[in-house]
Amino acid sequence: MAEKKIRVLVAKPGLDGHDRGAKVISRSLRDAGFEVIYTGLRRTPEEIVSSAIQEDVDVIGLSILSGAHNVLFPKVMELLKEKGADDITVIAGGVIPDKDIPFLKKIGVAETFLPGSSTEDIVRWIQENVKSASVKEMT
């Protein structure tokens, strides 16, 4: 049986209006062989979690520049748990102060990629740390 591609939802939560980085990451992940769904700008945590569940994704990539990560990311994590979808790996990227990363890890964000992170590093991290949903079901 052919292995199912890893599915990644790239989301821009909150009122953040800049998405060039998210689009670059989305293209890089697609070019690396992942299936990528990009939600577009200004999504609520509820919209992000609903889309992730509907699309049966393996990874949610939250991209943020607005500084609201300590409010929006916990809400996403809470909703995933409430909906029984906390097996979805959540990664974060954007402008996130180093001092906030331990809090994000504590609430369940698996990895944080700061400005200057290479797309190759992000692709490699996902390949090494995430199994597709079909592989998870079989194990």
N, C-alpha and C. Protein backbone atom coordinates (compact mmCIF):
# COMPACT_ATOMS: atom_id res chain seq x y z
N MET A 1 0.84 -1.18 0.00
CA MET A 1 0.00 0.00 0.00
C MET A 1 0.88 1.24 0.00
N ALA A 2 0.59 2.16 -0.88
CA ALA A 2 1.37 3.39 -0.95
C ALA A 2 1.11 4.24 0.28
N GLU A 3 2.17 4.84 0.81
CA GLU A 3 2.02 5.68 1.99
C GLU A 3 1.34 6.99 1.62
N LYS A 4 0.37 7.36 2.43
CA LYS A 4 -0.36 8.61 2.21
C LYS A 4 0.57 9.80 2.51
N LYS A 5 0.43 10.83 1.70
CA LYS A 5 1.24 12.03 1.92
C LYS A 5 0.84 12.70 3.22
N ILE A 6 1.80 13.31 3.86
CA ILE A 6 1.53 14.11 5.06
C ILE A 6 0.75 15.34 4.63
N ARG A 7 -0.34 15.61 5.35
CA ARG A 7 -1.21 16.76 5.05
C ARG A 7 -0.95 17.86 6.08
N VAL A 8 -0.71 19.06 5.58
CA VAL A 8 -0.37 20.20 6.43
C VAL A 8 -1.35 21.34 6.17
N LEU A 9 -1.92 21.87 7.24
CA LEU A 9 -2.76 23.06 7.17
C LEU A 9 -1.92 24.23 7.63
N VAL A 10 -1.73 25.22 6.78
CA VAL A 10 -1.01 26.44 7.14
C VAL A 10 -2.05 27.52 7.41
N ALA A 11 -1.98 28.11 8.59
CA ALA A 11 -3.01 29.05 9.00
C ALA A 11 -2.42 30.35 9.56
N LYS A 12 -3.13 31.43 9.32
CA LYS A 12 -2.77 32.76 9.84
C LYS A 12 -3.86 33.18 10.83
N PRO A 13 -3.66 32.91 12.12
CA PRO A 13 -4.69 33.25 13.10
C PRO A 13 -4.71 34.73 13.45
N GLY A 14 -5.87 35.19 13.84
CA GLY A 14 -5.99 36.56 14.34
C GLY A 14 -6.03 37.60 13.25
N LEU A 15 -5.66 38.81 13.63
CA LEU A 15 -5.79 39.96 12.74
C LEU A 15 -4.54 40.24 11.91
N ASP A 16 -3.61 39.32 11.94
CA ASP A 16 -2.37 39.47 11.18
C ASP A 16 -2.68 39.61 9.69
N GLY A 17 -2.16 40.64 9.06
CA GLY A 17 -2.48 40.89 7.66
C GLY A 17 -1.36 40.61 6.68
N HIS A 18 -0.28 40.00 7.14
CA HIS A 18 0.85 39.73 6.26
C HIS A 18 1.03 38.23 6.11
N ASP A 19 1.01 37.76 4.87
CA ASP A 19 1.08 36.31 4.68
C ASP A 19 2.14 35.84 3.69
N ARG A 20 3.07 36.70 3.33
CA ARG A 20 4.09 36.29 2.38
C ARG A 20 4.88 35.08 2.88
N GLY A 21 5.27 35.12 4.16
CA GLY A 21 6.02 34.00 4.73
C GLY A 21 5.22 32.71 4.72
N ALA A 22 3.94 32.80 5.07
CA ALA A 22 3.09 31.61 5.08
C ALA A 22 2.96 31.03 3.67
N LYS A 23 2.88 31.92 2.68
CA LYS A 23 2.78 31.44 1.29
C LYS A 23 4.08 30.79 0.83
N VAL A 24 5.21 31.34 1.24
CA VAL A 24 6.51 30.75 0.90
C VAL A 24 6.63 29.36 1.53
N ILE A 25 6.25 29.26 2.80
CA ILE A 25 6.30 27.96 3.48
C ILE A 25 5.35 26.97 2.82
N SER A 26 4.15 27.42 2.50
CA SER A 26 3.18 26.53 1.84
C SER A 26 3.73 25.97 0.54
N ARG A 27 4.33 26.81 -0.27
CA ARG A 27 4.91 26.35 -1.54
C ARG A 27 6.06 25.39 -1.31
N SER A 28 6.90 25.70 -0.32
CA SER A 28 8.04 24.83 -0.04
C SER A 28 7.59 23.46 0.44
N LEU A 29 6.57 23.43 1.28
CA LEU A 29 6.05 22.15 1.76
C LEU A 29 5.43 21.37 0.62
N ARG A 30 4.69 22.05 -0.24
CA ARG A 30 4.09 21.39 -1.41
C ARG A 30 5.19 20.82 -2.31
N ASP A 31 6.22 21.62 -2.55
CA ASP A 31 7.31 21.18 -3.42
C ASP A 31 8.07 19.99 -2.82
N ALA A 32 8.01 19.85 -1.49
CA ALA A 32 8.67 18.73 -0.81
C ALA A 32 7.80 17.47 -0.80
N GLY A 33 6.58 17.57 -1.35
CA GLY A 33 5.73 16.40 -1.47
C GLY A 33 4.59 16.31 -0.47
N PHE A 34 4.43 17.31 0.36
CA PHE A 34 3.31 17.32 1.30
C PHE A 34 2.06 17.82 0.59
N GLU A 35 0.90 17.42 1.10
CA GLU A 35 -0.36 18.03 0.67
C GLU A 35 -0.57 19.24 1.58
N VAL A 36 -0.79 20.41 0.99
CA VAL A 36 -0.86 21.64 1.78
C VAL A 36 -2.20 22.34 1.55
N ILE A 37 -2.82 22.74 2.65
CA ILE A 37 -4.04 23.54 2.61
C ILE A 37 -3.69 24.86 3.29
N TYR A 38 -3.88 25.96 2.60
CA TYR A 38 -3.61 27.28 3.17
C TYR A 38 -4.95 27.95 3.44
N THR A 39 -5.18 28.37 4.68
CA THR A 39 -6.48 28.91 5.07
C THR A 39 -6.68 30.37 4.70
N GLY A 40 -5.59 31.08 4.41
CA GLY A 40 -5.72 32.51 4.16
C GLY A 40 -5.61 33.30 5.45
N LEU A 41 -5.81 34.59 5.33
CA LEU A 41 -5.62 35.52 6.43
C LEU A 41 -6.79 35.56 7.41
N ARG A 42 -6.47 36.02 8.59
CA ARG A 42 -7.44 36.41 9.63
C ARG A 42 -8.41 35.30 10.00
N ARG A 43 -7.89 34.15 10.34
CA ARG A 43 -8.71 33.01 10.74
C ARG A 43 -8.82 32.94 12.26
N THR A 44 -9.98 32.55 12.72
CA THR A 44 -10.18 32.36 14.15
C THR A 44 -9.65 30.98 14.54
N PRO A 45 -9.33 30.78 15.82
CA PRO A 45 -8.94 29.43 16.26
C PRO A 45 -10.00 28.39 15.90
N GLU A 46 -11.27 28.76 16.03
CA GLU A 46 -12.36 27.83 15.69
C GLU A 46 -12.32 27.44 14.22
N GLU A 47 -12.09 28.41 13.34
CA GLU A 47 -12.00 28.11 11.90
C GLU A 47 -10.81 27.22 11.59
N ILE A 48 -9.70 27.49 12.25
CA ILE A 48 -8.48 26.71 12.01
C ILE A 48 -8.69 25.26 12.42
N VAL A 49 -9.22 25.05 13.62
CA VAL A 49 -9.43 23.69 14.12
C VAL A 49 -10.48 22.97 13.27
N SER A 50 -11.55 23.64 12.92
CA SER A 50 -12.58 23.03 12.08
C SER A 50 -12.00 22.61 10.73
N SER A 51 -11.22 23.49 10.11
CA SER A 51 -10.60 23.16 8.82
C SER A 51 -9.64 21.98 8.96
N ALA A 52 -8.87 21.96 10.02
CA ALA A 52 -7.90 20.89 10.23
C ALA A 52 -8.60 19.54 10.34
N ILE A 53 -9.71 19.52 11.06
CA ILE A 53 -10.46 18.27 11.23
C ILE A 53 -11.12 17.87 9.91
N GLN A 54 -11.76 18.82 9.24
CA GLN A 54 -12.41 18.52 7.96
C GLN A 54 -11.42 18.01 6.92
N GLU A 55 -10.24 18.58 6.91
CA GLU A 55 -9.22 18.21 5.92
C GLU A 55 -8.38 17.01 6.34
N ASP A 56 -8.62 16.50 7.56
CA ASP A 56 -7.90 15.34 8.07
C ASP A 56 -6.38 15.54 7.99
N VAL A 57 -5.92 16.67 8.51
CA VAL A 57 -4.50 17.00 8.42
C VAL A 57 -3.70 16.32 9.51
N ASP A 58 -2.42 16.20 9.26
CA ASP A 58 -1.47 15.64 10.21
C ASP A 58 -0.76 16.74 10.99
N VAL A 59 -0.68 17.92 10.38
CA VAL A 59 0.08 19.05 10.96
C VAL A 59 -0.71 20.33 10.75
N ILE A 60 -0.69 21.18 11.79
CA ILE A 60 -1.15 22.56 11.65
C ILE A 60 0.07 23.44 11.82
N GLY A 61 0.32 24.29 10.85
CA GLY A 61 1.39 25.27 10.94
C GLY A 61 0.77 26.64 11.17
N LEU A 62 0.97 27.19 12.36
CA LEU A 62 0.43 28.50 12.69
C LEU A 62 1.49 29.56 12.43
N SER A 63 1.17 30.53 11.61
CA SER A 63 2.09 31.59 11.27
C SER A 63 1.57 32.90 11.86
N ILE A 64 2.42 33.58 12.64
CA ILE A 64 1.95 34.79 13.31
C ILE A 64 3.03 35.86 13.36
N LEU A 65 2.62 37.08 13.14
CA LEU A 65 3.51 38.23 13.24
C LEU A 65 2.97 39.27 14.22
N SER A 66 1.72 39.12 14.63
CA SER A 66 1.02 40.16 15.39
C SER A 66 1.37 40.23 16.86
N GLY A 67 1.99 39.20 17.40
CA GLY A 67 2.28 39.18 18.82
C GLY A 67 1.19 38.56 19.67
N ALA A 68 0.14 38.04 19.06
CA ALA A 68 -0.99 37.48 19.81
C ALA A 68 -0.87 35.96 20.01
N HIS A 69 0.30 35.42 19.84
CA HIS A 69 0.49 33.96 19.93
C HIS A 69 0.15 33.40 21.30
N ASN A 70 0.41 34.15 22.39
CA ASN A 70 0.13 33.64 23.73
C ASN A 70 -1.37 33.61 24.05
N VAL A 71 -2.18 34.21 23.19
CA VAL A 71 -3.64 34.18 23.34
C VAL A 71 -4.24 33.20 22.33
N LEU A 72 -3.83 33.31 21.08
CA LEU A 72 -4.45 32.51 20.01
C LEU A 72 -4.00 31.05 20.01
N PHE A 73 -2.72 30.79 20.24
CA PHE A 73 -2.23 29.42 20.17
C PHE A 73 -2.82 28.55 21.28
N PRO A 74 -2.92 29.04 22.55
CA PRO A 74 -3.58 28.21 23.57
C PRO A 74 -5.02 27.88 23.21
N LYS A 75 -5.72 28.81 22.57
CA LYS A 75 -7.10 28.55 22.17
C LYS A 75 -7.16 27.44 21.11
N VAL A 76 -6.25 27.47 20.15
CA VAL A 76 -6.18 26.40 19.15
C VAL A 76 -5.93 25.06 19.83
N MET A 77 -4.98 25.03 20.74
CA MET A 77 -4.64 23.78 21.42
C MET A 77 -5.82 23.27 22.25
N GLU A 78 -6.51 24.17 22.93
CA GLU A 78 -7.68 23.82 23.73
C GLU A 78 -8.79 23.23 22.86
N LEU A 79 -9.04 23.87 21.72
CA LEU A 79 -10.08 23.39 20.82
C LEU A 79 -9.74 22.03 20.23
N LEU A 80 -8.48 21.81 19.89
CA LEU A 80 -8.07 20.51 19.37
C LEU A 80 -8.35 19.42 20.41
N LYS A 81 -8.04 19.72 21.65
CA LYS A 81 -8.29 18.74 22.72
C LYS A 81 -9.79 18.50 22.88
N GLU A 82 -10.57 19.57 22.92
CA GLU A 82 -12.03 19.45 23.06
C GLU A 82 -12.65 18.60 21.95
N LYS A 83 -12.12 18.73 20.74
CA LYS A 83 -12.68 18.03 19.58
C LYS A 83 -12.07 16.64 19.38
N GLY A 84 -11.19 16.23 20.30
CA GLY A 84 -10.57 14.92 20.16
C GLY A 84 -9.56 14.84 19.03
N ALA A 85 -9.00 15.98 18.67
CA ALA A 85 -8.05 16.03 17.56
C ALA A 85 -6.66 16.47 18.02
N ASP A 86 -6.35 16.20 19.29
CA ASP A 86 -5.06 16.64 19.81
C ASP A 86 -3.90 15.75 19.37
N ASP A 87 -4.19 14.79 18.47
CA ASP A 87 -3.11 14.02 17.85
C ASP A 87 -2.53 14.75 16.64
N ILE A 88 -3.13 15.87 16.26
CA ILE A 88 -2.59 16.69 15.16
C ILE A 88 -1.39 17.45 15.70
N THR A 89 -0.27 17.34 15.04
CA THR A 89 0.94 18.05 15.43
C THR A 89 0.78 19.52 15.09
N VAL A 90 1.11 20.38 16.05
CA VAL A 90 1.04 21.82 15.82
C VAL A 90 2.44 22.40 15.88
N ILE A 91 2.80 23.14 14.83
CA ILE A 91 4.06 23.87 14.81
C ILE A 91 3.75 25.35 14.62
N ALA A 92 4.70 26.18 14.99
CA ALA A 92 4.48 27.62 14.92
C ALA A 92 5.66 28.29 14.23
N GLY A 93 5.34 29.42 13.60
CA GLY A 93 6.38 30.20 12.97
C GLY A 93 6.01 31.66 12.98
N GLY A 94 7.02 32.49 12.81
CA GLY A 94 6.79 33.92 12.77
C GLY A 94 7.58 34.65 13.82
N VAL A 95 7.09 35.81 14.18
CA VAL A 95 7.77 36.64 15.17
C VAL A 95 7.28 36.24 16.55
N ILE A 96 8.08 35.42 17.20
CA ILE A 96 7.76 34.90 18.52
C ILE A 96 9.01 35.09 19.39
N PRO A 97 8.90 35.88 20.45
CA PRO A 97 10.07 36.08 21.32
C PRO A 97 10.55 34.77 21.93
N ASP A 98 11.89 34.63 22.04
CA ASP A 98 12.47 33.42 22.63
C ASP A 98 11.87 33.10 23.99
N LYS A 99 11.56 34.13 24.78
CA LYS A 99 11.04 33.92 26.14
C LYS A 99 9.66 33.27 26.14
N ASP A 100 8.94 33.33 25.02
CA ASP A 100 7.60 32.75 24.93
C ASP A 100 7.61 31.29 24.47
N ILE A 101 8.71 30.82 23.94
CA ILE A 101 8.77 29.46 23.39
C ILE A 101 8.53 28.39 24.45
N PRO A 102 9.10 28.49 25.66
CA PRO A 102 8.80 27.45 26.67
C PRO A 102 7.30 27.34 26.98
N PHE A 103 6.60 28.46 27.03
CA PHE A 103 5.15 28.42 27.26
C PHE A 103 4.45 27.70 26.11
N LEU A 104 4.83 28.00 24.87
CA LEU A 104 4.20 27.34 23.72
C LEU A 104 4.46 25.84 23.74
N LYS A 105 5.66 25.43 24.11
CA LYS A 105 5.97 24.00 24.22
C LYS A 105 5.11 23.36 25.31
N LYS A 106 4.96 24.08 26.43
CA LYS A 106 4.18 23.55 27.55
C LYS A 106 2.73 23.28 27.16
N ILE A 107 2.15 24.12 26.32
CA ILE A 107 0.75 23.93 25.92
C ILE A 107 0.60 22.94 24.77
N GLY A 108 1.73 22.46 24.23
CA GLY A 108 1.66 21.41 23.21
C GLY A 108 2.13 21.77 21.82
N VAL A 109 2.61 22.99 21.60
CA VAL A 109 3.17 23.32 20.30
C VAL A 109 4.49 22.55 20.17
N ALA A 110 4.58 21.71 19.15
CA ALA A 110 5.70 20.77 19.04
C ALA A 110 7.02 21.45 18.68
N GLU A 111 6.97 22.47 17.85
CA GLU A 111 8.21 23.14 17.42
C GLU A 111 7.88 24.56 16.99
N THR A 112 8.87 25.43 17.14
CA THR A 112 8.72 26.83 16.75
C THR A 112 9.85 27.19 15.80
N PHE A 113 9.48 27.81 14.69
CA PHE A 113 10.45 28.23 13.69
C PHE A 113 10.42 29.76 13.60
N LEU A 114 11.54 30.37 13.93
CA LEU A 114 11.63 31.82 13.99
C LEU A 114 12.09 32.39 12.65
N PRO A 115 11.98 33.71 12.46
CA PRO A 115 12.47 34.32 11.22
C PRO A 115 13.92 33.89 10.97
N GLY A 116 14.18 33.56 9.73
CA GLY A 116 15.51 33.08 9.36
C GLY A 116 15.60 31.56 9.30
N SER A 117 14.59 30.86 9.83
CA SER A 117 14.59 29.40 9.72
C SER A 117 14.50 29.03 8.24
N SER A 118 15.24 28.02 7.84
CA SER A 118 15.19 27.64 6.44
C SER A 118 14.00 26.74 6.17
N THR A 119 13.48 26.84 4.97
CA THR A 119 12.37 25.97 4.60
C THR A 119 12.83 24.51 4.62
N GLU A 120 14.09 24.26 4.32
CA GLU A 120 14.62 22.90 4.37
C GLU A 120 14.55 22.34 5.79
N ASP A 121 14.85 23.19 6.80
CA ASP A 121 14.77 22.74 8.19
C ASP A 121 13.34 22.39 8.58
N ILE A 122 12.38 23.18 8.11
CA ILE A 122 10.97 22.93 8.43
C ILE A 122 10.52 21.62 7.78
N VAL A 123 10.85 21.45 6.51
CA VAL A 123 10.50 20.22 5.79
C VAL A 123 11.12 19.01 6.50
N ARG A 124 12.40 19.10 6.83
CA ARG A 124 13.10 17.99 7.49
C ARG A 124 12.46 17.66 8.84
N TRP A 125 12.12 18.71 9.62
CA TRP A 125 11.51 18.47 10.93
C TRP A 125 10.19 17.71 10.78
N ILE A 126 9.37 18.13 9.85
CA ILE A 126 8.08 17.45 9.63
C ILE A 126 8.32 16.00 9.18
N GLN A 127 9.23 15.80 8.24
CA GLN A 127 9.50 14.44 7.76
C GLN A 127 9.97 13.53 8.88
N GLU A 128 10.77 14.07 9.80
CA GLU A 128 11.34 13.26 10.87
C GLU A 128 10.40 13.08 12.06
N ASN A 129 9.38 13.93 12.21
CA ASN A 129 8.59 13.93 13.43
C ASN A 129 7.11 13.65 13.25
N VAL A 130 6.63 13.55 12.01
CA VAL A 130 5.20 13.42 11.78
C VAL A 130 4.92 12.23 10.87
N LYS A 131 3.95 11.41 11.30
CA LYS A 131 3.46 10.33 10.45
C LYS A 131 2.13 10.76 9.87
N SER A 132 1.82 10.33 8.68
CA SER A 132 0.52 10.66 8.10
C SER A 132 -0.58 9.92 8.87
N ALA A 133 -1.79 10.43 8.75
CA ALA A 133 -2.93 9.85 9.46
C ALA A 133 -3.11 8.37 9.12
N SER A 134 -2.89 8.00 7.86
CA SER A 134 -3.09 6.59 7.48
C SER A 134 -2.06 5.70 8.15
N VAL A 135 -0.84 6.21 8.34
CA VAL A 135 0.19 5.42 9.02
C VAL A 135 -0.14 5.34 10.51
N LYS A 136 -0.64 6.45 11.10
CA LYS A 136 -1.02 6.44 12.51
C LYS A 136 -2.11 5.40 12.78
N GLU A 137 -3.08 5.30 11.86
CA GLU A 137 -4.18 4.35 12.04
C GLU A 137 -3.69 2.91 12.01
N MET A 138 -2.64 2.65 11.26
CA MET A 138 -2.14 1.29 11.10
C MET A 138 -1.26 0.88 12.27
N THR A 139 -0.71 1.84 13.00
CA THR A 139 0.22 1.49 14.09
C THR A 139 -0.47 1.41 15.42
